[in-house]
Amino acid sequence: MSDLPGVAESGQFVYENADHIKIIDAGLNKCAEDMSSQIMSGDLDLKSMFVKTDVHPQKADESGIDWVVFADTLNFSFWMQESEPQYLVTYRGTTYNGYLALCAAINKSLDSGVELTKPEFFKSISEERLNELLMGDGGVPIPLLADRVKCLHEVGTVLCDKYGGKFTNLMAQCDNSAVKLLQMVLDNFTCFRDVSEFKGKTVSIHKRAQILVADLWCLFEGTGQGSFSDIHSLTMFADYRVPQSLQHYGVFQYDNELLEFLMKDVVMPNGHKYEVEIRGCSIHAVELLTAKIRKILDDKKCDAVVNSILVDQYLWGYRRKHAEEMKKFPFHKVRSIYY
């Protein structure tokens, strides 16, 4: 799979050939200045990504690796239409939604004694059993259950057949390189290969594969097996939420055709031209933002480390923090295993 174009290169190609989205310098500058001031004040720091939430693994050991691999194999498509019951999971007195609801469901299963995150267990898990273990509050099932079972079967089978049932054995072959680990994930697991066609060219997006590498880096806090010196090579993780933050900051300007389509609240097929344009332009916008922030910090003699992962995390959290305001910015809806 190494003949695929890089993600950053793909994002630039999409933007340079985009029909419906413009990246606005004034918005880029506003967002970059905002983030830079928070970085210089200490409110935003790369090490903040190493802080473990209540539903994430606390130890960088084999069990922690298993948890991350399992979660990122299933880290896609949690959104529900507003008219539908929402996928929520209550764990230890706190109710979670979206991806964090999945995390909570995983932990509930582990706490009950089920070895859910072990490849030997999930490589043959039934749809009925997975549904039971990941069931949301009020009997609301997790979306795309059958697809999640297929993903788990593929990942579990490959790990058991080629790596002794341990992702740590795969990691041992990556030479502490984020780029090499990303390539190994793409080579071994088809369900992580997030590519599309755009204007006659194959473009790489690889949201979940990059998140898997980044999450392992965070689990190890950039040390030991997770000391990826080339972690800066990863891009943002193109989803449907970060574009809302980019609209809010004025980084993105959608034309009327795209806005009118999104306002219809239509669920697009994976690979739709609008979807690829939004995701590709998001990647390129965050690359531009990262470069601007680095320049601002350099000019002000601030030696803080910044990469696209930090910018992505900030924008993803910004959307959650301003959830009510974000409702006026439409987002594209796709049912897909890729995000």
C-alpha atoms as a PDB file:
ATOM      1  CA  MET A   1       0.000   0.000   0.000  1.00  0.00           C
ATOM      2  CA  SER A   2       3.049   2.294   0.061  1.00  0.00           C
ATOM      3  CA  ASP A   3       2.185   3.528  -3.435  1.00  0.00           C
ATOM      4  CA  LEU A   4      -0.697   5.554  -1.952  1.00  0.00           C
ATOM      5  CA  PRO A   5      -0.123   9.320  -1.717  1.00  0.00           C
ATOM      6  CA  GLY A   6       0.542  10.870   1.679  1.00  0.00           C
ATOM      7  CA  VAL A   7      -2.320  12.411   3.637  1.00  0.00           C
ATOM      8  CA  ALA A   8      -0.939  15.974   3.672  1.00  0.00           C
ATOM      9  CA  GLU A   9      -0.195  15.747  -0.053  1.00  0.00           C
ATOM     10  CA  SER A  10      -3.730  14.475  -0.653  1.00  0.00           C
ATOM     11  CA  GLY A  11      -5.242  17.326   1.353  1.00  0.00           C
ATOM     12  CA  GLN A  12      -3.326  19.888  -0.669  1.00  0.00           C
ATOM     13  CA  PHE A  13      -4.433  18.277  -3.933  1.00  0.00           C
ATOM     14  CA  VAL A  14      -8.083  18.313  -2.853  1.00  0.00           C
ATOM     15  CA  TYR A  15      -7.936  21.969  -1.837  1.00  0.00           C
ATOM     16  CA  GLU A  16      -6.161  23.048  -5.020  1.00  0.00           C
ATOM     17  CA  ASN A  17      -8.920  21.351  -7.018  1.00  0.00           C
ATOM     18  CA  ALA A  18     -11.850  22.216  -4.749  1.00  0.00           C
ATOM     19  CA  ASP A  19     -15.044  23.621  -6.250  1.00  0.00           C
ATOM     20  CA  HIS A  20     -17.027  24.575  -3.152  1.00  0.00           C
ATOM     21  CA  ILE A  21     -14.668  25.495  -0.298  1.00  0.00           C
ATOM     22  CA  LYS A  22     -12.315  28.405   0.185  1.00  0.00           C
ATOM     23  CA  ILE A  23      -9.788  28.739   3.000  1.00  0.00           C
ATOM     24  CA  ILE A  24      -9.856  32.353   4.201  1.00  0.00           C
ATOM     25  CA  ASP A  25      -6.603  33.952   5.404  1.00  0.00           C
ATOM     26  CA  ALA A  26      -8.344  36.170   7.939  1.00  0.00           C
ATOM     27  CA  GLY A  27      -9.938  33.128   9.564  1.00  0.00           C
ATOM     28  CA  LEU A  28      -6.642  31.240   9.547  1.00  0.00           C
ATOM     29  CA  ASN A  29      -4.927  34.179  11.218  1.00  0.00           C
ATOM     30  CA  LYS A  30      -7.664  34.528  13.844  1.00  0.00           C
ATOM     31  CA  CYS A  31      -7.525  30.835  14.752  1.00  0.00           C
ATOM     32  CA  ALA A  32      -3.712  30.733  14.715  1.00  0.00           C
ATOM     33  CA  GLU A  33      -3.477  33.821  16.948  1.00  0.00           C
ATOM     34  CA  ASP A  34      -6.076  32.391  19.330  1.00  0.00           C
ATOM     35  CA  MET A  35      -4.272  29.082  19.654  1.00  0.00           C
ATOM     36  CA  SER A  36      -0.839  30.718  19.892  1.00  0.00           C
ATOM     37  CA  SER A  37      -1.927  32.947  22.775  1.00  0.00           C
ATOM     38  CA  GLN A  38      -3.309  29.921  24.627  1.00  0.00           C
ATOM     39  CA  ILE A  39      -0.080  28.006  24.031  1.00  0.00           C
ATOM     40  CA  MET A  40       2.066  30.897  25.281  1.00  0.00           C
ATOM     41  CA  SER A  41      -0.122  31.339  28.368  1.00  0.00           C
ATOM     42  CA  GLY A  42       0.198  27.646  29.158  1.00  0.00           C
ATOM     43  CA  ASP A  43      -3.534  26.977  28.742  1.00  0.00           C
ATOM     44  CA  LEU A  44      -2.823  24.783  25.724  1.00  0.00           C
ATOM     45  CA  ASP A  45       0.116  22.398  25.796  1.00  0.00           C
ATOM     46  CA  LEU A  46       1.182  19.366  23.813  1.00  0.00           C
ATOM     47  CA  LYS A  47       1.523  17.433  27.062  1.00  0.00           C
ATOM     48  CA  SER A  48      -2.172  18.049  27.771  1.00  0.00           C
ATOM     49  CA  MET A  49      -2.834  15.270  25.265  1.00  0.00           C
ATOM     50  CA  PHE A  50      -1.094  12.874  27.635  1.00  0.00           C
ATOM     51  CA  VAL A  51      -3.651  13.521  30.393  1.00  0.00           C
ATOM     52  CA  LYS A  52      -5.814  10.419  30.663  1.00  0.00           C
ATOM     53  CA  THR A  53      -9.569  10.878  30.951  1.00  0.00           C
ATOM     54  CA  ASP A  54     -11.613   8.724  33.304  1.00  0.00           C
ATOM     55  CA  VAL A  55     -12.547   6.372  30.477  1.00  0.00           C
ATOM     56  CA  HIS A  56      -9.099   5.908  28.894  1.00  0.00           C
ATOM     57  CA  PRO A  57      -6.450   3.385  29.963  1.00  0.00           C
ATOM     58  CA  GLN A  58      -4.109   4.766  32.607  1.00  0.00           C
ATOM     59  CA  LYS A  59      -1.112   2.465  32.086  1.00  0.00           C
ATOM     60  CA  ALA A  60       1.110   2.027  29.030  1.00  0.00           C
ATOM     61  CA  ASP A  61       1.218  -1.750  29.190  1.00  0.00           C
ATOM     62  CA  GLU A  62      -0.058  -4.604  27.051  1.00  0.00           C
ATOM     63  CA  SER A  63      -3.596  -4.216  28.373  1.00  0.00           C
ATOM     64  CA  GLY A  64      -3.494  -0.495  27.570  1.00  0.00           C
ATOM     65  CA  ILE A  65      -2.313  -1.219  24.031  1.00  0.00           C
ATOM     66  CA  ASP A  66      -5.076  -3.819  23.587  1.00  0.00           C
ATOM     67  CA  TRP A  67      -7.642  -1.251  24.765  1.00  0.00           C
ATOM     68  CA  VAL A  68      -6.431   1.419  22.318  1.00  0.00           C
ATOM     69  CA  VAL A  69      -6.368  -0.989  19.371  1.00  0.00           C
ATOM     70  CA  PHE A  70      -9.862  -2.284  20.147  1.00  0.00           C
ATOM     71  CA  ALA A  71     -11.308   1.219  20.606  1.00  0.00           C
ATOM     72  CA  ASP A  72      -9.734   2.602  17.437  1.00  0.00           C
ATOM     73  CA  THR A  73     -10.878  -0.394  15.423  1.00  0.00           C
ATOM     74  CA  LEU A  74     -14.410   0.727  16.340  1.00  0.00           C
ATOM     75  CA  ASN A  75     -13.833   4.487  16.400  1.00  0.00           C
ATOM     76  CA  PHE A  76     -16.332   5.520  13.742  1.00  0.00           C
ATOM     77  CA  SER A  77     -19.858   6.769  13.108  1.00  0.00           C
ATOM     78  CA  PHE A  78     -21.453   7.530  16.464  1.00  0.00           C
ATOM     79  CA  TRP A  79     -23.703  10.360  15.308  1.00  0.00           C
ATOM     80  CA  MET A  80     -27.474   9.975  15.384  1.00  0.00           C
ATOM     81  CA  GLN A  81     -30.161  12.086  13.748  1.00  0.00           C
ATOM     82  CA  GLU A  82     -31.648  14.525  16.267  1.00  0.00           C
ATOM     83  CA  SER A  83     -35.017  12.794  15.926  1.00  0.00           C
ATOM     84  CA  GLU A  84     -33.486   9.426  16.866  1.00  0.00           C
ATOM     85  CA  PRO A  85     -32.632   8.043  20.325  1.00  0.00           C
ATOM     86  CA  GLN A  86     -29.008   8.950  21.066  1.00  0.00           C
ATOM     87  CA  TYR A  87     -26.246   6.442  21.750  1.00  0.00           C
ATOM     88  CA  LEU A  88     -25.299   7.200  25.369  1.00  0.00           C
ATOM     89  CA  VAL A  89     -23.526   5.066  27.958  1.00  0.00           C
ATOM     90  CA  THR A  90     -23.522   5.748  31.694  1.00  0.00           C
ATOM     91  CA  TYR A  91     -20.413   4.549  33.509  1.00  0.00           C
ATOM     92  CA  ARG A  92     -19.599   5.143  37.174  1.00  0.00           C
ATOM     93  CA  GLY A  93     -22.213   7.853  37.452  1.00  0.00           C
ATOM     94  CA  THR A  94     -21.294   9.805  34.333  1.00  0.00           C
ATOM     95  CA  THR A  95     -23.190   9.640  31.026  1.00  0.00           C
ATOM     96  CA  TYR A  96     -21.069   9.782  27.872  1.00  0.00           C
ATOM     97  CA  ASN A  97     -21.961  10.272  24.212  1.00  0.00           C
ATOM     98  CA  GLY A  98     -20.227   9.628  20.890  1.00  0.00           C
ATOM     99  CA  TYR A  99     -16.774   8.078  20.975  1.00  0.00           C
ATOM    100  CA  LEU A 100     -16.590   8.452  24.750  1.00  0.00           C
ATOM    101  CA  ALA A 101     -19.759   6.355  25.041  1.00  0.00           C
ATOM    102  CA  LEU A 102     -17.897   3.551  23.261  1.00  0.00           C
ATOM    103  CA  CYS A 103     -15.003   3.959  25.718  1.00  0.00           C
ATOM    104  CA  ALA A 104     -17.415   3.726  28.641  1.00  0.00           C
ATOM    105  CA  ALA A 105     -19.073   0.606  27.188  1.00  0.00           C
ATOM    106  CA  ILE A 106     -15.666  -1.055  26.749  1.00  0.00           C
ATOM    107  CA  ASN A 107     -14.793  -0.359  30.382  1.00  0.00           C
ATOM    108  CA  LYS A 108     -18.141  -1.659  31.658  1.00  0.00           C
ATOM    109  CA  SER A 109     -17.479  -4.935  29.848  1.00  0.00           C
ATOM    110  CA  LEU A 110     -13.910  -5.186  31.166  1.00  0.00           C
ATOM    111  CA  ASP A 111     -15.090  -4.421  34.708  1.00  0.00           C
ATOM    112  CA  SER A 112     -17.583  -7.291  34.436  1.00  0.00           C
ATOM    113  CA  GLY A 113     -14.731  -9.710  33.694  1.00  0.00           C
ATOM    114  CA  VAL A 114     -15.153  -9.986  29.910  1.00  0.00           C
ATOM    115  CA  GLU A 115     -11.794  -9.903  28.100  1.00  0.00           C
ATOM    116  CA  LEU A 116     -13.359  -7.815  25.338  1.00  0.00           C
ATOM    117  CA  THR A 117     -10.156  -6.139  24.142  1.00  0.00           C
ATOM    118  CA  LYS A 118      -8.135  -9.344  23.711  1.00  0.00           C
ATOM    119  CA  PRO A 119      -7.674 -10.221  20.002  1.00  0.00           C
ATOM    120  CA  GLU A 120      -8.156 -13.910  20.791  1.00  0.00           C
ATOM    121  CA  PHE A 121     -11.608 -13.023  22.177  1.00  0.00           C
ATOM    122  CA  PHE A 122     -12.863 -10.497  19.642  1.00  0.00           C
ATOM    123  CA  LYS A 123     -11.580 -12.219  16.481  1.00  0.00           C
ATOM    124  CA  SER A 124     -14.676 -14.428  16.522  1.00  0.00           C
ATOM    125  CA  ILE A 125     -17.153 -12.422  18.583  1.00  0.00           C
ATOM    126  CA  SER A 126     -20.754 -12.731  17.409  1.00  0.00           C
ATOM    127  CA  GLU A 127     -22.894  -9.790  16.420  1.00  0.00           C
ATOM    128  CA  GLU A 128     -25.325 -10.644  19.200  1.00  0.00           C
ATOM    129  CA  ARG A 129     -22.586 -10.707  21.850  1.00  0.00           C
ATOM    130  CA  LEU A 130     -20.974  -7.435  20.707  1.00  0.00           C
ATOM    131  CA  ASN A 131     -24.376  -5.753  20.648  1.00  0.00           C
ATOM    132  CA  GLU A 132     -24.974  -6.881  24.225  1.00  0.00           C
ATOM    133  CA  LEU A 133     -21.553  -5.658  25.424  1.00  0.00           C
ATOM    134  CA  LEU A 134     -21.707  -2.247  23.715  1.00  0.00           C
ATOM    135  CA  MET A 135     -25.424  -1.583  24.290  1.00  0.00           C
ATOM    136  CA  GLY A 136     -26.258   2.033  25.094  1.00  0.00           C
ATOM    137  CA  ASP A 137     -28.528   3.380  27.782  1.00  0.00           C
ATOM    138  CA  GLY A 138     -32.215   2.628  27.268  1.00  0.00           C
ATOM    139  CA  GLY A 139     -31.415  -0.244  24.918  1.00  0.00           C
ATOM    140  CA  VAL A 140     -30.072   1.996  22.127  1.00  0.00           C
ATOM    141  CA  PRO A 141     -27.627  -0.086  20.049  1.00  0.00           C
ATOM    142  CA  ILE A 142     -24.363   1.276  18.725  1.00  0.00           C
ATOM    143  CA  PRO A 143     -24.669   2.214  15.003  1.00  0.00           C
ATOM    144  CA  LEU A 144     -23.226  -0.005  12.242  1.00  0.00           C
ATOM    145  CA  LEU A 145     -22.994  -3.053  14.480  1.00  0.00           C
ATOM    146  CA  ALA A 146     -22.437  -5.570  11.648  1.00  0.00           C
ATOM    147  CA  ASP A 147     -19.591  -3.467  10.239  1.00  0.00           C
ATOM    148  CA  ARG A 148     -17.971  -3.269  13.668  1.00  0.00           C
ATOM    149  CA  VAL A 149     -18.042  -7.056  13.963  1.00  0.00           C
ATOM    150  CA  LYS A 150     -16.325  -7.391  10.555  1.00  0.00           C
ATOM    151  CA  CYS A 151     -13.622  -4.914  11.570  1.00  0.00           C
ATOM    152  CA  LEU A 152     -12.958  -6.748  14.823  1.00  0.00           C
ATOM    153  CA  HIS A 153     -12.824 -10.124  13.092  1.00  0.00           C
ATOM    154  CA  GLU A 154     -10.279  -8.839  10.568  1.00  0.00           C
ATOM    155  CA  VAL A 155      -8.022  -7.117  13.108  1.00  0.00           C
ATOM    156  CA  GLY A 156      -8.241  -9.953  15.619  1.00  0.00           C
ATOM    157  CA  THR A 157      -7.539 -12.638  13.023  1.00  0.00           C
ATOM    158  CA  VAL A 158      -4.516 -10.831  11.562  1.00  0.00           C
ATOM    159  CA  LEU A 159      -3.059 -10.184  15.019  1.00  0.00           C
ATOM    160  CA  CYS A 160      -3.520 -13.817  16.061  1.00  0.00           C
ATOM    161  CA  ASP A 161      -2.243 -15.283  12.786  1.00  0.00           C
ATOM    162  CA  LYS A 162       0.750 -12.983  12.241  1.00  0.00           C
ATOM    163  CA  TYR A 163       1.672 -11.398  15.564  1.00  0.00           C
ATOM    164  CA  GLY A 164       0.938 -13.962  18.254  1.00  0.00           C
ATOM    165  CA  GLY A 165      -2.276 -12.188  19.228  1.00  0.00           C
ATOM    166  CA  LYS A 166      -0.385  -9.106  20.405  1.00  0.00           C
ATOM    167  CA  PHE A 167      -0.303  -5.671  18.791  1.00  0.00           C
ATOM    168  CA  THR A 168       2.840  -4.989  20.814  1.00  0.00           C
ATOM    169  CA  ASN A 169       4.618  -7.511  18.565  1.00  0.00           C
ATOM    170  CA  LEU A 170       3.592  -5.462  15.525  1.00  0.00           C
ATOM    171  CA  MET A 171       4.772  -2.268  17.243  1.00  0.00           C
ATOM    172  CA  ALA A 172       8.147  -3.866  17.924  1.00  0.00           C
ATOM    173  CA  GLN A 173       8.804  -3.903  14.162  1.00  0.00           C
ATOM    174  CA  CYS A 174       8.143  -0.196  13.540  1.00  0.00           C
ATOM    175  CA  ASP A 175      11.507   1.094  14.817  1.00  0.00           C
ATOM    176  CA  ASN A 176       9.775   3.745  16.952  1.00  0.00           C
ATOM    177  CA  SER A 177       8.540   5.459  13.793  1.00  0.00           C
ATOM    178  CA  ALA A 178       4.997   6.823  13.566  1.00  0.00           C
ATOM    179  CA  VAL A 179       5.216   6.772   9.769  1.00  0.00           C
ATOM    180  CA  LYS A 180       6.341   3.139   9.677  1.00  0.00           C
ATOM    181  CA  LEU A 181       3.698   2.075  12.196  1.00  0.00           C
ATOM    182  CA  LEU A 182       1.033   3.871  10.155  1.00  0.00           C
ATOM    183  CA  GLN A 183       2.185   2.007   7.046  1.00  0.00           C
ATOM    184  CA  MET A 184       2.153  -1.330   8.885  1.00  0.00           C
ATOM    185  CA  VAL A 185      -1.415  -0.694  10.055  1.00  0.00           C
ATOM    186  CA  LEU A 186      -2.488   0.138   6.487  1.00  0.00           C
ATOM    187  CA  ASP A 187      -0.676  -2.886   5.060  1.00  0.00           C
ATOM    188  CA  ASN A 188      -2.158  -5.333   7.575  1.00  0.00           C
ATOM    189  CA  PHE A 189      -5.723  -4.123   8.106  1.00  0.00           C
ATOM    190  CA  THR A 190      -7.947  -3.225   5.148  1.00  0.00           C
ATOM    191  CA  CYS A 191     -10.580  -1.709   7.454  1.00  0.00           C
ATOM    192  CA  PHE A 192      -8.150   1.129   8.259  1.00  0.00           C
ATOM    193  CA  ARG A 193      -7.472   2.042   4.609  1.00  0.00           C
ATOM    194  CA  ASP A 194      -9.392   5.287   4.234  1.00  0.00           C
ATOM    195  CA  VAL A 195      -8.956   6.366   0.608  1.00  0.00           C
ATOM    196  CA  SER A 196     -11.219   8.059  -1.937  1.00  0.00           C
ATOM    197  CA  GLU A 197     -11.210   9.214  -5.546  1.00  0.00           C
ATOM    198  CA  PHE A 198     -11.207  12.944  -6.262  1.00  0.00           C
ATOM    199  CA  LYS A 199     -10.930  14.550  -9.684  1.00  0.00           C
ATOM    200  CA  GLY A 200      -9.472  11.360 -11.144  1.00  0.00           C
ATOM    201  CA  LYS A 201      -6.866  10.832  -8.438  1.00  0.00           C
ATOM    202  CA  THR A 202      -6.723   8.530  -5.407  1.00  0.00           C
ATOM    203  CA  VAL A 203      -6.408  10.524  -2.192  1.00  0.00           C
ATOM    204  CA  SER A 204      -5.457   9.219   1.257  1.00  0.00           C
ATOM    205  CA  ILE A 205      -7.262  10.361   4.396  1.00  0.00           C
ATOM    206  CA  HIS A 206      -6.588   7.517   6.880  1.00  0.00           C
ATOM    207  CA  LYS A 207      -8.385   9.049   9.849  1.00  0.00           C
ATOM    208  CA  ARG A 208      -8.597   5.962  12.087  1.00  0.00           C
ATOM    209  CA  ALA A 209      -5.141   4.641  11.218  1.00  0.00           C
ATOM    210  CA  GLN A 210      -3.543   7.959  12.158  1.00  0.00           C
ATOM    211  CA  ILE A 211      -5.600   8.181  15.349  1.00  0.00           C
ATOM    212  CA  LEU A 212      -4.421   4.700  16.336  1.00  0.00           C
ATOM    213  CA  VAL A 213      -0.783   5.786  16.020  1.00  0.00           C
ATOM    214  CA  ALA A 214      -1.456   9.063  17.851  1.00  0.00           C
ATOM    215  CA  ASP A 215      -3.382   7.339  20.648  1.00  0.00           C
ATOM    216  CA  LEU A 216      -0.499   4.923  21.215  1.00  0.00           C
ATOM    217  CA  TRP A 217       1.878   7.895  21.316  1.00  0.00           C
ATOM    218  CA  CYS A 218      -0.382   9.523  23.921  1.00  0.00           C
ATOM    219  CA  LEU A 219      -0.706   6.286  25.915  1.00  0.00           C
ATOM    220  CA  PHE A 220       3.092   6.103  26.242  1.00  0.00           C
ATOM    221  CA  GLU A 221       3.350   9.891  26.668  1.00  0.00           C
ATOM    222  CA  GLY A 222       5.879   9.954  23.854  1.00  0.00           C
ATOM    223  CA  THR A 223       8.276   7.569  25.615  1.00  0.00           C
ATOM    224  CA  GLY A 224       9.349   3.920  25.294  1.00  0.00           C
ATOM    225  CA  GLN A 225       7.467   2.047  22.591  1.00  0.00           C
ATOM    226  CA  GLY A 226       5.545   5.237  21.866  1.00  0.00           C
ATOM    227  CA  SER A 227       8.545   7.540  21.476  1.00  0.00           C
ATOM    228  CA  PHE A 228       7.836   8.392  17.853  1.00  0.00           C
ATOM    229  CA  SER A 229      10.338  11.082  16.866  1.00  0.00           C
ATOM    230  CA  ASP A 230       8.433  11.603  13.603  1.00  0.00           C
ATOM    231  CA  ILE A 231       4.986  12.048  15.210  1.00  0.00           C
ATOM    232  CA  HIS A 232       4.837  15.499  13.579  1.00  0.00           C
ATOM    233  CA  SER A 233       4.431  13.714  10.240  1.00  0.00           C
ATOM    234  CA  LEU A 234       0.820  12.831  11.065  1.00  0.00           C
ATOM    235  CA  THR A 235      -1.931  15.189   9.943  1.00  0.00           C
ATOM    236  CA  MET A 236      -5.266  16.027  11.522  1.00  0.00           C
ATOM    237  CA  PHE A 237      -7.932  13.317  11.654  1.00  0.00           C
ATOM    238  CA  ALA A 238     -10.521  14.281   9.060  1.00  0.00           C
ATOM    239  CA  ASP A 239     -14.016  13.833  10.485  1.00  0.00           C
ATOM    240  CA  TYR A 240     -17.350  15.659  10.429  1.00  0.00           C
ATOM    241  CA  ARG A 241     -16.888  17.814  13.548  1.00  0.00           C
ATOM    242  CA  VAL A 242     -13.644  19.748  12.990  1.00  0.00           C
ATOM    243  CA  PRO A 243     -15.089  21.387   9.825  1.00  0.00           C
ATOM    244  CA  GLN A 244     -17.707  23.014  12.075  1.00  0.00           C
ATOM    245  CA  SER A 245     -14.950  24.631  14.140  1.00  0.00           C
ATOM    246  CA  LEU A 246     -13.232  25.748  10.938  1.00  0.00           C
ATOM    247  CA  GLN A 247     -16.494  27.376   9.826  1.00  0.00           C
ATOM    248  CA  HIS A 248     -16.933  28.995  13.240  1.00  0.00           C
ATOM    249  CA  TYR A 249     -13.471  30.580  13.067  1.00  0.00           C
ATOM    250  CA  GLY A 250     -14.071  31.759   9.498  1.00  0.00           C
ATOM    251  CA  VAL A 251     -11.319  29.504   8.146  1.00  0.00           C
ATOM    252  CA  PHE A 252     -13.781  27.747   5.841  1.00  0.00           C
ATOM    253  CA  GLN A 253     -16.124  29.483   3.443  1.00  0.00           C
ATOM    254  CA  TYR A 254     -18.640  27.163   1.783  1.00  0.00           C
ATOM    255  CA  ASP A 255     -20.354  28.190  -1.442  1.00  0.00           C
ATOM    256  CA  ASN A 256     -24.145  28.271  -1.669  1.00  0.00           C
ATOM    257  CA  GLU A 257     -24.388  24.950  -3.494  1.00  0.00           C
ATOM    258  CA  LEU A 258     -22.591  23.080  -0.711  1.00  0.00           C
ATOM    259  CA  LEU A 259     -24.408  24.939   2.072  1.00  0.00           C
ATOM    260  CA  GLU A 260     -27.819  24.276   0.542  1.00  0.00           C
ATOM    261  CA  PHE A 261     -27.002  20.593   0.159  1.00  0.00           C
ATOM    262  CA  LEU A 262     -25.800  20.250   3.762  1.00  0.00           C
ATOM    263  CA  MET A 263     -28.887  22.088   5.056  1.00  0.00           C
ATOM    264  CA  LYS A 264     -31.039  19.309   3.572  1.00  0.00           C
ATOM    265  CA  ASP A 265     -29.500  16.958   6.139  1.00  0.00           C
ATOM    266  CA  VAL A 266     -28.961  14.238   3.537  1.00  0.00           C
ATOM    267  CA  VAL A 267     -26.872  11.203   4.471  1.00  0.00           C
ATOM    268  CA  MET A 268     -24.218  10.963   1.764  1.00  0.00           C
ATOM    269  CA  PRO A 269     -22.551   7.775   0.559  1.00  0.00           C
ATOM    270  CA  ASN A 270     -18.895   7.376   1.495  1.00  0.00           C
ATOM    271  CA  GLY A 271     -16.758   8.869  -1.280  1.00  0.00           C
ATOM    272  CA  HIS A 272     -19.279  11.546  -2.296  1.00  0.00           C
ATOM    273  CA  LYS A 273     -17.530  14.524  -3.910  1.00  0.00           C
ATOM    274  CA  TYR A 274     -18.724  16.914  -1.198  1.00  0.00           C
ATOM    275  CA  GLU A 275     -17.488  14.599   1.556  1.00  0.00           C
ATOM    276  CA  VAL A 276     -14.030  14.204   0.025  1.00  0.00           C
ATOM    277  CA  GLU A 277     -13.732  17.941  -0.566  1.00  0.00           C
ATOM    278  CA  ILE A 278     -14.657  18.775   3.042  1.00  0.00           C
ATOM    279  CA  ARG A 279     -12.302  16.172   4.502  1.00  0.00           C
ATOM    280  CA  GLY A 280      -9.400  17.005   2.172  1.00  0.00           C
ATOM    281  CA  CYS A 281      -9.746  20.736   2.726  1.00  0.00           C
ATOM    282  CA  SER A 282      -9.863  20.157   6.494  1.00  0.00           C
ATOM    283  CA  ILE A 283      -6.523  18.363   6.317  1.00  0.00           C
ATOM    284  CA  HIS A 284      -4.970  21.183   4.298  1.00  0.00           C
ATOM    285  CA  ALA A 285      -6.445  23.897   6.536  1.00  0.00           C
ATOM    286  CA  VAL A 286      -4.964  22.306   9.656  1.00  0.00           C
ATOM    287  CA  GLU A 287      -1.573  21.945   7.959  1.00  0.00           C
ATOM    288  CA  LEU A 288      -1.706  25.686   7.170  1.00  0.00           C
ATOM    289  CA  LEU A 289      -2.810  26.480  10.725  1.00  0.00           C
ATOM    290  CA  THR A 290       0.003  24.422  12.219  1.00  0.00           C
ATOM    291  CA  ALA A 291       2.566  26.233  10.063  1.00  0.00           C
ATOM    292  CA  LYS A 292       1.137  29.649  11.032  1.00  0.00           C
ATOM    293  CA  ILE A 293       1.157  28.810  14.744  1.00  0.00           C
ATOM    294  CA  ARG A 294       4.762  27.617  14.555  1.00  0.00           C
ATOM    295  CA  LYS A 295       5.732  30.871  12.813  1.00  0.00           C
ATOM    296  CA  ILE A 296       3.983  33.007  15.444  1.00  0.00           C
ATOM    297  CA  LEU A 297       5.626  31.092  18.292  1.00  0.00           C
ATOM    298  CA  ASP A 298       9.032  31.245  16.587  1.00  0.00           C
ATOM    299  CA  ASP A 299       8.717  35.001  16.105  1.00  0.00           C
ATOM    300  CA  LYS A 300       7.903  35.389  19.789  1.00  0.00           C
ATOM    301  CA  LYS A 301      10.801  33.136  20.864  1.00  0.00           C
ATOM    302  CA  CYS A 302       8.431  30.531  22.296  1.00  0.00           C
ATOM    303  CA  ASP A 303       9.862  27.017  22.055  1.00  0.00           C
ATOM    304  CA  ALA A 304       6.571  25.150  22.614  1.00  0.00           C
ATOM    305  CA  VAL A 305       6.153  22.104  20.393  1.00  0.00           C
ATOM    306  CA  VAL A 306       3.137  22.177  18.091  1.00  0.00           C
ATOM    307  CA  ASN A 307       1.899  19.594  15.608  1.00  0.00           C
ATOM    308  CA  SER A 308      -1.257  18.960  13.630  1.00  0.00           C
ATOM    309  CA  ILE A 309      -2.478  16.462  16.239  1.00  0.00           C
ATOM    310  CA  LEU A 310      -2.599  19.218  18.868  1.00  0.00           C
ATOM    311  CA  VAL A 311      -4.390  21.574  16.474  1.00  0.00           C
ATOM    312  CA  ASP A 312      -6.899  18.831  15.619  1.00  0.00           C
ATOM    313  CA  GLN A 313      -7.530  18.047  19.278  1.00  0.00           C
ATOM    314  CA  TYR A 314      -8.067  21.725  20.047  1.00  0.00           C
ATOM    315  CA  LEU A 315     -10.562  22.151  17.189  1.00  0.00           C
ATOM    316  CA  TRP A 316     -12.396  18.922  18.089  1.00  0.00           C
ATOM    317  CA  GLY A 317     -12.679  20.037  21.721  1.00  0.00           C
ATOM    318  CA  TYR A 318     -13.641  23.563  20.623  1.00  0.00           C
ATOM    319  CA  ARG A 319     -16.644  22.108  18.781  1.00  0.00           C
ATOM    320  CA  ARG A 320     -17.735  20.228  21.904  1.00  0.00           C
ATOM    321  CA  LYS A 321     -17.198  23.291  24.109  1.00  0.00           C
ATOM    322  CA  HIS A 322     -19.328  25.467  21.821  1.00  0.00           C
ATOM    323  CA  ALA A 323     -21.867  22.769  20.880  1.00  0.00           C
ATOM    324  CA  GLU A 324     -24.900  25.058  20.943  1.00  0.00           C
ATOM    325  CA  GLU A 325     -23.265  27.736  18.761  1.00  0.00           C
ATOM    326  CA  MET A 326     -22.101  25.056  16.328  1.00  0.00           C
ATOM    327  CA  LYS A 327     -25.638  24.017  15.494  1.00  0.00           C
ATOM    328  CA  LYS A 328     -25.847  26.821  12.926  1.00  0.00           C
ATOM    329  CA  PHE A 329     -22.907  25.340  11.015  1.00  0.00           C
ATOM    330  CA  PRO A 330     -24.047  22.292   9.035  1.00  0.00           C
ATOM    331  CA  PHE A 331     -21.890  19.186   8.959  1.00  0.00           C
ATOM    332  CA  HIS A 332     -21.792  16.426   6.392  1.00  0.00           C
ATOM    333  CA  LYS A 333     -23.345  13.120   7.381  1.00  0.00           C
ATOM    334  CA  VAL A 334     -21.937   9.819   6.145  1.00  0.00           C
ATOM    335  CA  ARG A 335     -22.396   6.331   7.538  1.00  0.00           C
ATOM    336  CA  SER A 336     -18.913   4.878   7.153  1.00  0.00           C
ATOM    337  CA  ILE A 337     -16.379   2.710   8.963  1.00  0.00           C
ATOM    338  CA  TYR A 338     -13.695   5.316   8.341  1.00  0.00           C
ATOM    339  CA  TYR A 339     -14.868   8.023  10.764  1.00  0.00           C
END
